[in-house]
């Protein structure tokens, strides 16, 4: 008698396959939600970190320049419509003590003698003695003033002979015989753009008796974005001028916004330089 054996075929039923697909779908949805959430956190953290880095760089650069400003050269201008706010200053390139210089009512001449400075002095820079007001720093020179232009510098031992571009007389002598040398003025401006306020640096626009506006100084260099100050009601810069017993203080309080969050600096910079 012949015998037949039955072999059971291996495989999955339709119900098993559907069950596996459902389970895998649930797992994938759960995993993807974690991935999306983590990606979102990374993107938002990167945006916040970028704004923080920009703001720190801008504030640190402003602080350094303000601290090396020529005495009484800082002035602040705010637009009446709140479209911009600028702080202008004249950074010190070198400083020393003069030994001999022409002062009123002496005879005008085009040279002065000073102690050799640590930093070099070159043609085209400005020499200043005892500036007490913004006007004495930025106004046209004339032949009697407190700021004149260097033509050449000669060194002999530890002394400098500075030749000026014309025969002049300085208006007043410095009580401590201080001599400041500076390049061109510079300005930091908070400027309202299409969507927010930007911090820009303007340079090489020259001396102007009236403080210049952003539109007259060129494009400028972008220093920071995402500033959220309403410059009319919440200015980013407040200047406390110097007095006979206190130094000038610049209050920096820019407000930055990113991803619905805001953070504001409360930074005071004291201008230690005195005439």
Protein backbone atom coordinates (compact mmCIF):
# COMPACT_ATOMS: atom_id res chain seq x y z
CA UNK A 1 0.00 0.00 0.00
CA UNK A 2 1.44 3.41 -0.97
CA UNK A 3 1.89 6.00 1.71
CA UNK A 4 1.53 9.78 1.22
CA UNK A 5 2.96 12.39 3.59
CA UNK A 6 1.51 15.86 3.93
CA UNK A 7 3.91 18.82 3.99
CA UNK A 8 2.56 22.00 5.59
CA UNK A 9 3.55 25.15 3.61
CA UNK A 10 5.28 27.92 5.64
CA UNK A 11 4.14 31.62 5.27
CA UNK A 12 2.21 34.57 6.72
CA UNK A 13 -1.44 35.10 6.71
CA UNK A 14 -2.97 38.38 5.54
CA UNK A 15 -3.99 39.23 9.09
CA UNK A 16 -0.40 38.80 10.32
CA UNK A 17 0.97 41.03 7.57
CA UNK A 18 -1.55 43.78 8.27
CA UNK A 19 -0.78 43.57 11.99
CA UNK A 20 2.97 43.93 11.35
CA UNK A 21 2.42 46.89 9.02
CA UNK A 22 0.28 48.62 11.63
CA UNK A 23 2.86 48.05 14.35
CA UNK A 24 5.70 49.32 12.13
CA UNK A 25 3.63 52.39 11.20
CA UNK A 26 3.03 53.21 14.85
CA UNK A 27 6.75 52.79 15.64
CA UNK A 28 7.82 54.96 12.68
CA UNK A 29 5.38 57.73 13.62
CA UNK A 30 6.64 57.68 17.19
CA UNK A 31 10.30 57.74 16.18
CA UNK A 32 9.78 60.47 13.56
CA UNK A 33 8.06 62.71 16.10
CA UNK A 34 11.15 62.49 18.31
CA UNK A 35 13.42 63.23 15.34
CA UNK A 36 11.31 66.21 14.26
CA UNK A 37 11.17 67.54 17.83
CA UNK A 38 14.94 67.19 18.21
CA UNK A 39 15.55 68.87 14.86
CA UNK A 40 13.29 71.74 15.81
CA UNK A 41 15.13 72.23 19.10
CA UNK A 42 18.47 72.21 17.28
CA UNK A 43 17.33 74.78 14.69
CA UNK A 44 15.85 77.09 17.34
CA UNK A 45 18.93 76.74 19.55
CA UNK A 46 21.19 77.53 16.59
CA UNK A 47 19.17 80.67 15.79
CA UNK A 48 19.33 81.85 19.41
CA UNK A 49 23.06 81.12 19.58
CA UNK A 50 23.67 83.06 16.36
CA UNK A 51 21.81 86.12 17.67
CA UNK A 52 23.65 85.89 21.01
CA UNK A 53 27.01 85.70 19.23
CA UNK A 54 26.19 88.68 17.00
CA UNK A 55 24.94 90.75 19.90
CA UNK A 56 27.99 89.98 22.06
CA UNK A 57 30.33 90.86 19.19
CA UNK A 58 28.53 94.13 18.46
CA UNK A 59 28.38 95.24 22.10
CA UNK A 60 32.02 94.25 22.74
CA UNK A 61 33.21 96.17 19.65
CA UNK A 62 31.20 99.24 20.68
CA UNK A 63 32.58 99.02 24.22
CA UNK A 64 36.20 98.92 23.05
CA UNK A 65 35.79 101.91 20.75
CA UNK A 66 33.88 103.97 23.34
CA UNK A 67 36.57 103.37 25.96
CA UNK A 68 39.28 104.72 23.63
CA UNK A 69 37.33 107.80 22.55
CA UNK A 70 38.95 111.23 22.56
CA UNK A 71 37.60 113.22 25.54
CA UNK A 72 34.31 114.98 24.79
CA UNK A 73 34.09 113.51 21.28
CA UNK A 74 31.04 111.31 21.97
CA UNK A 75 27.69 112.54 20.72
CA UNK A 76 24.33 110.79 20.24
CA UNK A 77 21.68 111.53 17.62
CA UNK A 78 18.16 110.05 17.59
CA UNK A 79 15.75 110.54 14.70
CA UNK A 80 12.48 112.21 15.65
CA UNK A 81 10.56 109.40 13.95
CA UNK A 82 12.61 106.67 15.66
CA UNK A 83 14.07 105.37 12.39
CA UNK A 84 17.66 105.44 13.69
CA UNK A 85 19.88 106.24 16.66
CA UNK A 86 23.62 106.90 16.25
CA UNK A 87 26.56 107.35 18.57
CA UNK A 88 29.58 109.08 17.05
CA UNK A 89 33.07 109.20 18.54
CA UNK A 90 36.68 109.92 17.64
CA UNK A 91 38.88 106.92 18.56
CA UNK A 92 42.36 107.60 19.95
CA UNK A 93 45.13 106.31 17.68
CA UNK A 94 47.98 107.45 19.95
CA UNK A 95 48.48 109.62 23.02
CA UNK A 96 51.47 111.27 24.64
CA UNK A 97 52.55 114.47 26.41
CA UNK A 98 53.62 117.55 24.54
CA UNK A 99 56.62 119.61 25.66
CA UNK A 100 56.16 122.66 23.49
CA UNK A 101 53.24 123.79 21.32
CA UNK A 102 51.88 127.11 19.97
CA UNK A 103 49.07 128.54 22.10
CA UNK A 104 47.10 131.77 22.03
CA UNK A 105 48.42 134.53 22.28
CA UNK A 106 51.79 133.20 21.05
CA UNK A 107 52.95 133.53 17.46
CA UNK A 108 51.48 130.88 15.18
CA UNK A 109 53.79 128.14 13.92
CA UNK A 110 53.42 124.75 12.25
CA UNK A 111 55.31 122.45 14.65
CA UNK A 112 55.18 121.10 18.19
CA UNK A 113 57.42 118.86 20.30
CA UNK A 114 56.19 115.81 22.21
CA UNK A 115 57.44 112.74 24.04
CA UNK A 116 57.66 109.68 21.80
CA UNK A 117 54.44 107.66 21.97
CA UNK A 118 54.11 103.88 22.07
CA UNK A 119 51.95 103.87 18.96
CA UNK A 120 53.20 105.52 15.76
CA UNK A 121 51.94 108.90 14.55
CA UNK A 122 51.61 109.42 10.82
CA UNK A 123 50.63 112.06 8.27
CA UNK A 124 46.92 112.73 7.85
CA UNK A 125 46.05 112.07 11.49
CA UNK A 126 44.71 114.80 13.76
CA UNK A 127 46.34 116.23 16.88
CA UNK A 128 44.10 117.47 19.68
CA UNK A 129 44.95 119.43 22.82
CA UNK A 130 42.39 120.03 25.60
CA UNK A 131 39.08 119.43 23.73
CA UNK A 132 36.17 120.34 26.00
CA UNK A 133 33.15 120.22 23.65
CA UNK A 134 31.94 118.35 20.58
CA UNK A 135 32.28 121.52 18.53
CA UNK A 136 35.98 121.79 19.36
CA UNK A 137 36.48 118.23 18.08
CA UNK A 138 34.37 118.24 14.90
CA UNK A 139 34.17 121.86 13.70
CA UNK A 140 36.43 123.09 10.85
CA UNK A 141 39.97 123.74 12.01
CA UNK A 142 40.77 127.29 10.91
CA UNK A 143 44.12 128.54 12.22
CA UNK A 144 43.12 128.86 15.89
CA UNK A 145 41.42 125.75 17.26
CA UNK A 146 42.03 122.56 19.26
CA UNK A 147 42.41 120.08 16.37
CA UNK A 148 44.93 120.23 13.53
CA UNK A 149 46.23 117.85 10.86
CA UNK A 150 49.67 116.20 10.90
CA UNK A 151 51.87 116.70 7.85
CA UNK A 152 54.96 114.78 8.98
CA UNK A 153 56.67 113.39 12.08
CA UNK A 154 60.42 113.34 12.86
CA UNK A 155 61.93 111.26 15.69
CA UNK A 156 65.04 112.16 17.67
CA UNK A 157 65.88 109.96 20.64
CA UNK A 158 62.72 109.91 22.80
CA UNK A 159 61.25 113.09 21.29
CA UNK A 160 58.91 113.76 18.38
CA UNK A 161 58.77 116.85 16.23
CA UNK A 162 55.30 116.98 14.71
CA UNK A 163 54.90 119.24 11.70
CA UNK A 164 51.34 120.39 10.97
CA UNK A 165 49.84 121.27 7.60
CA UNK A 166 49.71 125.00 8.44
CA UNK A 167 50.86 127.57 10.98
CA UNK A 168 48.42 127.42 13.90
CA UNK A 169 47.73 128.27 17.52
CA UNK A 170 45.95 125.93 19.92
CA UNK A 171 43.18 127.67 21.86
CA UNK A 172 44.08 126.37 25.33
CA UNK A 173 46.87 124.41 26.99
CA UNK A 174 46.11 121.13 28.73
CA UNK A 175 46.64 121.28 32.51
CA UNK A 176 48.50 117.94 32.31
CA UNK A 177 50.04 118.63 28.86
CA UNK A 178 48.12 115.78 27.18
CA UNK A 179 48.29 115.35 23.42
CA UNK A 180 45.83 113.07 21.61
CA UNK A 181 46.24 111.79 18.05
CA UNK A 182 43.23 110.41 16.16
CA UNK A 183 42.19 109.10 12.77
CA UNK A 184 38.72 109.64 11.28
CA UNK A 185 35.50 109.61 13.36
CA UNK A 186 33.26 106.55 13.38
CA UNK A 187 29.60 105.94 14.19
CA UNK A 188 27.53 103.02 15.47
CA UNK A 189 23.90 103.28 14.39
CA UNK A 190 20.79 101.30 15.22
CA UNK A 191 18.88 101.59 11.94
CA UNK A 192 15.29 100.47 11.33
CA UNK A 193 15.06 98.10 8.35
CA UNK A 194 12.05 96.44 6.72
CA UNK A 195 11.51 93.84 9.46
CA UNK A 196 13.65 94.83 12.46
CA UNK A 197 16.46 97.09 13.65
CA UNK A 198 20.09 96.51 12.62
CA UNK A 199 23.32 97.66 14.25
CA UNK A 200 25.74 99.10 11.67
CA UNK A 201 29.25 100.57 11.86
CA UNK A 202 30.13 103.59 9.69
CA UNK A 203 33.71 104.77 9.07
CA UNK A 204 35.84 107.00 6.83
CA UNK A 205 33.19 109.66 6.22
CA UNK A 206 35.31 112.52 7.62
CA UNK A 207 34.77 115.28 10.16
CA UNK A 208 31.37 116.98 10.06
CA UNK A 209 30.29 119.87 12.28
CA UNK A 210 26.73 118.48 12.46
CA UNK A 211 26.45 114.83 13.44
CA UNK A 212 25.81 112.84 10.24
CA UNK A 213 22.85 110.53 9.65
CA UNK A 214 23.09 106.94 8.32
CA UNK A 215 22.01 108.00 4.83
CA UNK A 216 24.97 110.40 4.55
CA UNK A 217 27.65 107.95 5.71
CA UNK A 218 27.32 105.18 3.13
CA UNK A 219 26.20 101.58 3.51
CA UNK A 220 28.06 100.78 6.71
CA UNK A 221 29.08 97.37 8.03
CA UNK A 222 26.42 95.09 9.52
CA UNK A 223 27.32 94.24 13.13
CA UNK A 224 24.13 92.68 14.52
CA UNK A 225 20.51 91.97 13.58
CA UNK A 226 17.23 91.16 15.33
CA UNK A 227 17.27 94.31 17.48
CA UNK A 228 13.75 94.94 18.77
CA UNK A 229 14.03 98.39 20.40
CA UNK A 230 11.40 100.99 19.64
CA UNK A 231 13.99 103.75 19.33
CA UNK A 232 11.46 106.49 20.07
CA UNK A 233 10.35 105.09 23.43
CA UNK A 234 13.10 102.62 24.31
CA UNK A 235 16.42 104.00 22.98
CA UNK A 236 19.34 101.61 22.64
CA UNK A 237 21.89 104.27 23.68
CA UNK A 238 21.78 106.83 26.48
CA UNK A 239 24.68 109.25 27.05
CA UNK A 240 25.44 110.80 30.42
CA UNK A 241 27.91 113.61 29.60
CA UNK A 242 31.06 114.20 31.60
CA UNK A 243 31.18 116.86 34.33
CA UNK A 244 34.01 118.44 36.29
CA UNK A 245 33.94 115.57 38.80
CA UNK A 246 32.64 112.58 36.79
CA UNK A 247 33.52 110.86 33.54
CA UNK A 248 31.09 110.40 30.68
CA UNK A 249 29.02 107.19 30.79
CA UNK A 250 27.38 105.50 27.82
CA UNK A 251 24.43 103.25 28.65
CA UNK A 252 23.93 100.47 26.09
CA UNK A 253 20.54 98.75 26.33
CA UNK A 254 19.70 97.07 23.02
CA UNK A 255 16.81 94.58 23.05
CA UNK A 256 17.19 91.46 20.88
CA UNK A 257 14.34 89.15 19.79
CA UNK A 258 14.48 85.65 18.31
CA UNK A 259 11.92 82.84 18.10
CA UNK A 260 9.43 84.77 20.20
CA UNK A 261 11.93 85.33 23.02
CA UNK A 262 13.68 88.59 23.96
CA UNK A 263 16.77 89.48 25.94
CA UNK A 264 18.10 92.95 26.72
CA UNK A 265 21.58 94.17 27.58
CA UNK A 266 22.09 96.61 30.44
CA UNK A 267 25.67 97.67 29.87
CA UNK A 268 27.44 100.81 31.09
CA UNK A 269 30.70 102.02 29.53
CA UNK A 270 32.73 104.64 31.35
CA UNK A 271 34.92 106.91 29.25
CA UNK A 272 38.08 107.19 31.34
CA UNK A 273 39.98 109.56 29.05
CA UNK A 274 40.07 113.18 30.23
CA UNK A 275 41.43 116.34 28.57
